[in-house]
Amino acid sequence: MSNAFEDDSREYLALCNDEEYYSLWPHGTAVPDGWRVVYGPDSRESVVGHIDRVWTDMRPKSLRHVQAEHEDVPA
């Protein structure tokens, strides 16, 4: 049985949740509650590249905001 998350022959989506975490998701598979499509459908390589470009800070959004309030650092 093949892994749907590693099949280069299918299309994928980039998902994002409220904490601005990203996920690679097989196109045609139901998007889980709490997640929204932010890119795709496109090739696995293209979607992974998009996620690599936009997800530059892996801290949750809520933590970034708390730290910014205490450190005067932009969220």
C-alpha atoms as a PDB file:
ATOM      1  CA  MET A   1       0.000   0.000   0.000  1.00  0.00           C
ATOM      2  CA  SER A   2       1.419   3.397  -0.990  1.00  0.00           C
ATOM      3  CA  ASN A   3       1.605   6.408   1.288  1.00  0.00           C
ATOM      4  CA  ALA A   4      -0.708   9.178   0.004  1.00  0.00           C
ATOM      5  CA  PHE A   5       1.646  11.806   1.440  1.00  0.00           C
ATOM      6  CA  GLU A   6       4.633  10.589  -0.576  1.00  0.00           C
ATOM      7  CA  ASP A   7       3.079   9.908  -3.976  1.00  0.00           C
ATOM      8  CA  ASP A   8       4.699  12.241  -6.517  1.00  0.00           C
ATOM      9  CA  SER A   9       2.094  11.313  -9.139  1.00  0.00           C
ATOM     10  CA  ARG A  10      -0.806  13.033  -7.359  1.00  0.00           C
ATOM     11  CA  GLU A  11      -1.639  16.649  -6.548  1.00  0.00           C
ATOM     12  CA  TYR A  12      -1.396  18.208  -3.106  1.00  0.00           C
ATOM     13  CA  LEU A  13      -2.604  21.182  -1.122  1.00  0.00           C
ATOM     14  CA  ALA A  14      -0.880  23.350   1.455  1.00  0.00           C
ATOM     15  CA  LEU A  15      -3.040  23.737   4.546  1.00  0.00           C
ATOM     16  CA  CYS A  16      -2.696  26.251   7.366  1.00  0.00           C
ATOM     17  CA  ASN A  17      -4.364  26.393  10.774  1.00  0.00           C
ATOM     18  CA  ASP A  18      -5.105  29.268  13.171  1.00  0.00           C
ATOM     19  CA  GLU A  19      -1.667  28.950  14.774  1.00  0.00           C
ATOM     20  CA  GLU A  20      -0.127  29.323  11.299  1.00  0.00           C
ATOM     21  CA  TYR A  21       1.177  25.777  11.164  1.00  0.00           C
ATOM     22  CA  TYR A  22       1.352  24.313   7.664  1.00  0.00           C
ATOM     23  CA  SER A  23       0.688  20.849   6.332  1.00  0.00           C
ATOM     24  CA  LEU A  24       1.070  19.031   3.030  1.00  0.00           C
ATOM     25  CA  TRP A  25      -2.277  17.413   2.211  1.00  0.00           C
ATOM     26  CA  PRO A  26      -3.366  15.090  -0.611  1.00  0.00           C
ATOM     27  CA  HIS A  27      -5.822  16.805  -2.971  1.00  0.00           C
ATOM     28  CA  GLY A  28      -9.175  15.062  -2.968  1.00  0.00           C
ATOM     29  CA  THR A  29      -8.905  14.103   0.701  1.00  0.00           C
ATOM     30  CA  ALA A  30     -11.219  15.935   3.105  1.00  0.00           C
ATOM     31  CA  VAL A  31      -9.540  18.911   4.784  1.00  0.00           C
ATOM     32  CA  PRO A  32      -9.583  18.412   8.583  1.00  0.00           C
ATOM     33  CA  ASP A  33     -11.533  20.803  10.791  1.00  0.00           C
ATOM     34  CA  GLY A  34      -9.457  23.777  11.856  1.00  0.00           C
ATOM     35  CA  TRP A  35      -7.398  23.814   8.655  1.00  0.00           C
ATOM     36  CA  ARG A  36      -7.839  25.841   5.464  1.00  0.00           C
ATOM     37  CA  VAL A  37      -6.363  25.527   1.987  1.00  0.00           C
ATOM     38  CA  VAL A  38      -3.761  28.251   1.308  1.00  0.00           C
ATOM     39  CA  TYR A  39      -2.103  26.860  -1.832  1.00  0.00           C
ATOM     40  CA  GLY A  40      -2.762  24.318  -4.532  1.00  0.00           C
ATOM     41  CA  PRO A  41      -3.676  21.955  -5.874  1.00  0.00           C
ATOM     42  CA  ASP A  42      -0.260  21.486  -7.413  1.00  0.00           C
ATOM     43  CA  SER A  43       2.568  18.974  -7.576  1.00  0.00           C
ATOM     44  CA  ARG A  44       4.039  17.685  -4.325  1.00  0.00           C
ATOM     45  CA  GLU A  45       7.318  19.443  -5.125  1.00  0.00           C
ATOM     46  CA  SER A  46       5.588  22.780  -5.733  1.00  0.00           C
ATOM     47  CA  VAL A  47       3.479  22.579  -2.566  1.00  0.00           C
ATOM     48  CA  VAL A  48       6.467  21.601  -0.402  1.00  0.00           C
ATOM     49  CA  GLY A  49       8.416  24.503  -1.957  1.00  0.00           C
ATOM     50  CA  HIS A  50       5.583  26.894  -1.119  1.00  0.00           C
ATOM     51  CA  ILE A  51       5.492  25.712   2.494  1.00  0.00           C
ATOM     52  CA  ASP A  52       9.286  26.056   2.746  1.00  0.00           C
ATOM     53  CA  ARG A  53       9.081  29.659   1.479  1.00  0.00           C
ATOM     54  CA  VAL A  54       6.243  30.866   3.698  1.00  0.00           C
ATOM     55  CA  TRP A  55       6.711  28.912   6.935  1.00  0.00           C
ATOM     56  CA  THR A  56       9.876  30.584   8.146  1.00  0.00           C
ATOM     57  CA  ASP A  57       9.044  30.675  11.864  1.00  0.00           C
ATOM     58  CA  MET A  58       7.737  27.441  13.321  1.00  0.00           C
ATOM     59  CA  ARG A  59       6.666  28.962  16.609  1.00  0.00           C
ATOM     60  CA  PRO A  60       2.871  29.004  17.005  1.00  0.00           C
ATOM     61  CA  LYS A  61       1.252  32.361  16.201  1.00  0.00           C
ATOM     62  CA  SER A  62       0.053  32.768  19.794  1.00  0.00           C
ATOM     63  CA  LEU A  63       3.596  32.293  21.157  1.00  0.00           C
ATOM     64  CA  ARG A  64       5.050  34.775  18.660  1.00  0.00           C
ATOM     65  CA  HIS A  65       2.539  37.395  19.805  1.00  0.00           C
ATOM     66  CA  VAL A  66       3.223  36.813  23.509  1.00  0.00           C
ATOM     67  CA  GLN A  67       6.973  36.975  22.955  1.00  0.00           C
ATOM     68  CA  ALA A  68       6.615  40.127  20.840  1.00  0.00           C
ATOM     69  CA  GLU A  69       4.669  41.832  23.626  1.00  0.00           C
ATOM     70  CA  HIS A  70       7.429  41.050  26.115  1.00  0.00           C
ATOM     71  CA  GLU A  71      10.410  41.684  23.860  1.00  0.00           C
ATOM     72  CA  ASP A  72       9.218  44.458  21.560  1.00  0.00           C
ATOM     73  CA  VAL A  73       9.940  42.109  18.647  1.00  0.00           C
ATOM     74  CA  PRO A  74       7.610  42.031  15.650  1.00  0.00           C
ATOM     75  CA  ALA A  75       5.327  38.979  15.565  1.00  0.00           C
END
